[in-house]
Amino acid sequence: MHEYAVMQSLVEAVLETLRKRPPCFVKEVRVTVGEDSGYVVESLKAAYEVLVEGTVLLGSNLLLLPEPGTAVTLQRLVLEEEV
């Protein structure tokens, strides 16, 4: 299942980024998915749900946006800063 490996790399990169900043709540993770990538959106979402268990990403929304090409790319994290 290639989707799991791709999503695992993405989740690891997001978690590494978050470790370098003040604590916050991640509301949304926006990712573009190339229309010619061959990845199944439902499989990417399922992998994300498994991979975020027990992390600060639990409860965040994954938004997958189609775009031309073959890449799967993190576009933006929508954060809510802790007060």
N, C-alpha and C. Protein backbone atom coordinates (compact mmCIF):
# COMPACT_ATOMS: atom_id res chain seq x y z
N MET A 1 0.85 -1.18 0.00
CA MET A 1 0.00 0.00 0.00
C MET A 1 0.89 1.24 0.00
N HIS A 2 1.07 1.83 -1.15
CA HIS A 2 1.93 2.99 -1.31
C HIS A 2 1.39 4.22 -0.58
N GLU A 3 0.07 4.31 -0.48
CA GLU A 3 -0.54 5.46 0.19
C GLU A 3 -0.08 5.56 1.64
N TYR A 4 0.05 4.43 2.31
CA TYR A 4 0.47 4.44 3.72
C TYR A 4 1.88 5.01 3.84
N ALA A 5 2.77 4.58 2.99
CA ALA A 5 4.16 5.05 3.05
C ALA A 5 4.25 6.54 2.76
N VAL A 6 3.52 7.01 1.78
CA VAL A 6 3.53 8.44 1.44
C VAL A 6 2.97 9.25 2.60
N MET A 7 1.87 8.80 3.16
CA MET A 7 1.25 9.53 4.27
C MET A 7 2.13 9.46 5.52
N GLN A 8 2.81 8.35 5.73
CA GLN A 8 3.71 8.23 6.88
C GLN A 8 4.83 9.27 6.79
N SER A 9 5.40 9.44 5.62
CA SER A 9 6.45 10.45 5.43
C SER A 9 5.91 11.85 5.69
N LEU A 10 4.71 12.11 5.20
CA LEU A 10 4.12 13.43 5.38
C LEU A 10 3.83 13.70 6.85
N VAL A 11 3.24 12.74 7.56
CA VAL A 11 2.93 12.91 8.98
C VAL A 11 4.21 13.10 9.78
N GLU A 12 5.24 12.34 9.49
CA GLU A 12 6.52 12.50 10.19
C GLU A 12 7.10 13.90 9.97
N ALA A 13 7.00 14.41 8.75
CA ALA A 13 7.51 15.75 8.45
C ALA A 13 6.72 16.81 9.21
N VAL A 14 5.41 16.65 9.27
CA VAL A 14 4.57 17.61 10.00
C VAL A 14 4.91 17.58 11.48
N LEU A 15 5.04 16.38 12.05
CA LEU A 15 5.36 16.28 13.48
C LEU A 15 6.72 16.88 13.79
N GLU A 16 7.68 16.71 12.92
CA GLU A 16 9.01 17.30 13.11
C GLU A 16 8.92 18.82 13.08
N THR A 17 8.15 19.36 12.17
CA THR A 17 7.94 20.81 12.10
C THR A 17 7.29 21.32 13.38
N LEU A 18 6.30 20.60 13.87
CA LEU A 18 5.59 21.04 15.07
C LEU A 18 6.46 20.98 16.32
N ARG A 19 7.42 20.08 16.36
CA ARG A 19 8.32 19.98 17.52
C ARG A 19 9.19 21.22 17.67
N LYS A 20 9.35 21.96 16.59
CA LYS A 20 10.24 23.13 16.58
C LYS A 20 9.50 24.43 16.91
N ARG A 21 8.24 24.37 17.25
CA ARG A 21 7.47 25.58 17.51
C ARG A 21 6.70 25.46 18.82
N PRO A 22 6.17 26.56 19.31
CA PRO A 22 5.39 26.50 20.55
C PRO A 22 4.18 25.57 20.39
N PRO A 23 3.71 25.00 21.49
CA PRO A 23 2.55 24.10 21.42
C PRO A 23 1.35 24.79 20.77
N CYS A 24 0.63 24.02 20.00
CA CYS A 24 -0.56 24.54 19.33
C CYS A 24 -1.49 23.39 18.99
N PHE A 25 -2.69 23.72 18.61
CA PHE A 25 -3.67 22.74 18.16
C PHE A 25 -3.70 22.79 16.64
N VAL A 26 -3.56 21.64 16.00
CA VAL A 26 -3.61 21.58 14.54
C VAL A 26 -5.06 21.34 14.13
N LYS A 27 -5.63 22.33 13.49
CA LYS A 27 -7.01 22.24 13.04
C LYS A 27 -7.13 21.49 11.71
N GLU A 28 -6.18 21.77 10.81
CA GLU A 28 -6.29 21.20 9.47
C GLU A 28 -4.92 21.01 8.85
N VAL A 29 -4.77 19.93 8.10
CA VAL A 29 -3.57 19.66 7.32
C VAL A 29 -4.01 19.63 5.86
N ARG A 30 -3.49 20.58 5.07
CA ARG A 30 -3.86 20.67 3.66
C ARG A 30 -2.75 20.09 2.80
N VAL A 31 -3.16 19.17 1.94
CA VAL A 31 -2.21 18.43 1.10
C VAL A 31 -2.73 18.42 -0.33
N THR A 32 -1.84 18.70 -1.28
CA THR A 32 -2.23 18.55 -2.69
C THR A 32 -1.83 17.15 -3.15
N VAL A 33 -2.68 16.59 -4.00
CA VAL A 33 -2.45 15.25 -4.54
C VAL A 33 -2.52 15.35 -6.06
N GLY A 34 -1.43 14.99 -6.71
CA GLY A 34 -1.39 15.04 -8.16
C GLY A 34 -2.43 14.11 -8.78
N GLU A 35 -3.15 14.63 -9.74
CA GLU A 35 -4.20 13.85 -10.40
C GLU A 35 -3.65 12.63 -11.13
N ASP A 36 -2.37 12.66 -11.48
CA ASP A 36 -1.73 11.54 -12.17
C ASP A 36 -0.82 10.74 -11.24
N SER A 37 -0.99 10.93 -9.93
CA SER A 37 -0.12 10.26 -8.96
C SER A 37 -0.44 8.77 -8.82
N GLY A 38 -1.67 8.41 -9.10
CA GLY A 38 -2.09 7.03 -8.92
C GLY A 38 -2.54 6.72 -7.51
N TYR A 39 -2.48 7.69 -6.61
CA TYR A 39 -2.88 7.46 -5.23
C TYR A 39 -4.40 7.55 -5.09
N VAL A 40 -4.94 6.69 -4.24
CA VAL A 40 -6.38 6.66 -3.97
C VAL A 40 -6.64 7.55 -2.76
N VAL A 41 -7.46 8.57 -2.95
CA VAL A 41 -7.72 9.55 -1.90
C VAL A 41 -8.25 8.89 -0.63
N GLU A 42 -9.15 7.94 -0.76
CA GLU A 42 -9.72 7.26 0.41
C GLU A 42 -8.64 6.51 1.17
N SER A 43 -7.68 5.93 0.47
CA SER A 43 -6.58 5.21 1.12
C SER A 43 -5.63 6.17 1.83
N LEU A 44 -5.40 7.34 1.24
CA LEU A 44 -4.58 8.35 1.90
C LEU A 44 -5.24 8.80 3.20
N LYS A 45 -6.56 9.02 3.15
CA LYS A 45 -7.29 9.44 4.35
C LYS A 45 -7.26 8.36 5.42
N ALA A 46 -7.44 7.11 5.02
CA ALA A 46 -7.43 6.00 5.98
C ALA A 46 -6.05 5.88 6.63
N ALA A 47 -5.00 6.02 5.85
CA ALA A 47 -3.65 5.95 6.40
C ALA A 47 -3.42 7.09 7.38
N TYR A 48 -3.88 8.28 7.06
CA TYR A 48 -3.73 9.44 7.94
C TYR A 48 -4.39 9.16 9.29
N GLU A 49 -5.60 8.65 9.26
CA GLU A 49 -6.33 8.38 10.51
C GLU A 49 -5.57 7.40 11.40
N VAL A 50 -4.95 6.41 10.82
CA VAL A 50 -4.17 5.44 11.59
C VAL A 50 -2.90 6.09 12.14
N LEU A 51 -2.22 6.85 11.30
CA LEU A 51 -0.92 7.42 11.66
C LEU A 51 -0.99 8.54 12.70
N VAL A 52 -2.11 9.25 12.79
CA VAL A 52 -2.20 10.36 13.74
C VAL A 52 -2.63 9.91 15.13
N GLU A 53 -3.05 8.67 15.28
CA GLU A 53 -3.43 8.16 16.60
C GLU A 53 -2.28 8.37 17.58
N GLY A 54 -2.58 8.95 18.73
CA GLY A 54 -1.57 9.16 19.76
C GLY A 54 -0.62 10.31 19.49
N THR A 55 -0.92 11.16 18.51
CA THR A 55 -0.06 12.31 18.21
C THR A 55 -0.86 13.60 18.38
N VAL A 56 -0.15 14.72 18.28
CA VAL A 56 -0.82 16.02 18.36
C VAL A 56 -1.71 16.28 17.15
N LEU A 57 -1.62 15.45 16.14
CA LEU A 57 -2.46 15.61 14.95
C LEU A 57 -3.83 14.96 15.11
N LEU A 58 -4.00 14.18 16.16
CA LEU A 58 -5.29 13.54 16.40
C LEU A 58 -6.37 14.62 16.51
N GLY A 59 -7.43 14.46 15.77
CA GLY A 59 -8.53 15.42 15.78
C GLY A 59 -8.42 16.46 14.68
N SER A 60 -7.30 16.49 13.98
CA SER A 60 -7.16 17.45 12.88
C SER A 60 -7.88 16.93 11.64
N ASN A 61 -8.25 17.87 10.80
CA ASN A 61 -8.91 17.54 9.55
C ASN A 61 -7.85 17.45 8.44
N LEU A 62 -7.92 16.40 7.64
CA LEU A 62 -7.04 16.27 6.48
C LEU A 62 -7.83 16.72 5.25
N LEU A 63 -7.32 17.74 4.58
CA LEU A 63 -7.95 18.24 3.36
C LEU A 63 -7.04 17.89 2.19
N LEU A 64 -7.53 17.05 1.30
CA LEU A 64 -6.76 16.62 0.13
C LEU A 64 -7.29 17.37 -1.09
N LEU A 65 -6.41 18.13 -1.72
CA LEU A 65 -6.77 18.97 -2.85
C LEU A 65 -6.13 18.44 -4.12
N PRO A 66 -6.93 18.18 -5.16
CA PRO A 66 -6.34 17.70 -6.41
C PRO A 66 -5.61 18.82 -7.14
N GLU A 67 -4.54 18.42 -7.85
CA GLU A 67 -3.82 19.37 -8.71
C GLU A 67 -3.17 18.57 -9.83
N PRO A 68 -2.82 19.23 -10.92
CA PRO A 68 -2.14 18.52 -12.01
C PRO A 68 -0.79 17.97 -11.52
N GLY A 69 -0.38 16.86 -12.08
CA GLY A 69 0.93 16.32 -11.76
C GLY A 69 0.87 15.01 -11.01
N THR A 70 2.00 14.65 -10.41
CA THR A 70 2.13 13.35 -9.76
C THR A 70 2.53 13.44 -8.29
N ALA A 71 2.76 14.64 -7.79
CA ALA A 71 3.28 14.80 -6.43
C ALA A 71 2.18 14.84 -5.38
N VAL A 72 2.56 14.43 -4.17
CA VAL A 72 1.74 14.62 -2.98
C VAL A 72 2.54 15.58 -2.11
N THR A 73 1.96 16.76 -1.83
CA THR A 73 2.73 17.83 -1.21
C THR A 73 1.96 18.49 -0.07
N LEU A 74 2.63 18.67 1.04
CA LEU A 74 2.03 19.42 2.14
C LEU A 74 1.95 20.88 1.71
N GLN A 75 0.76 21.45 1.77
CA GLN A 75 0.57 22.85 1.38
C GLN A 75 0.51 23.79 2.57
N ARG A 76 -0.21 23.37 3.62
CA ARG A 76 -0.41 24.30 4.73
C ARG A 76 -0.90 23.57 5.97
N LEU A 77 -0.48 24.05 7.11
CA LEU A 77 -1.04 23.62 8.39
C LEU A 77 -1.88 24.78 8.92
N VAL A 78 -3.11 24.48 9.30
CA VAL A 78 -3.95 25.50 9.90
C VAL A 78 -3.90 25.24 11.40
N LEU A 79 -3.34 26.21 12.13
CA LEU A 79 -3.07 26.05 13.56
C LEU A 79 -3.93 26.99 14.39
N GLU A 80 -4.20 26.55 15.60
CA GLU A 80 -4.82 27.40 16.60
C GLU A 80 -3.84 27.45 17.76
N GLU A 81 -3.26 28.60 17.98
CA GLU A 81 -2.24 28.74 19.02
C GLU A 81 -2.86 28.52 20.40
N GLU A 82 -2.12 27.84 21.26
CA GLU A 82 -2.57 27.67 22.64
C GLU A 82 -2.44 29.01 23.36
N VAL A 83 -3.39 29.27 24.21
CA VAL A 83 -3.38 30.53 24.97
C VAL A 83 -2.83 30.29 26.35
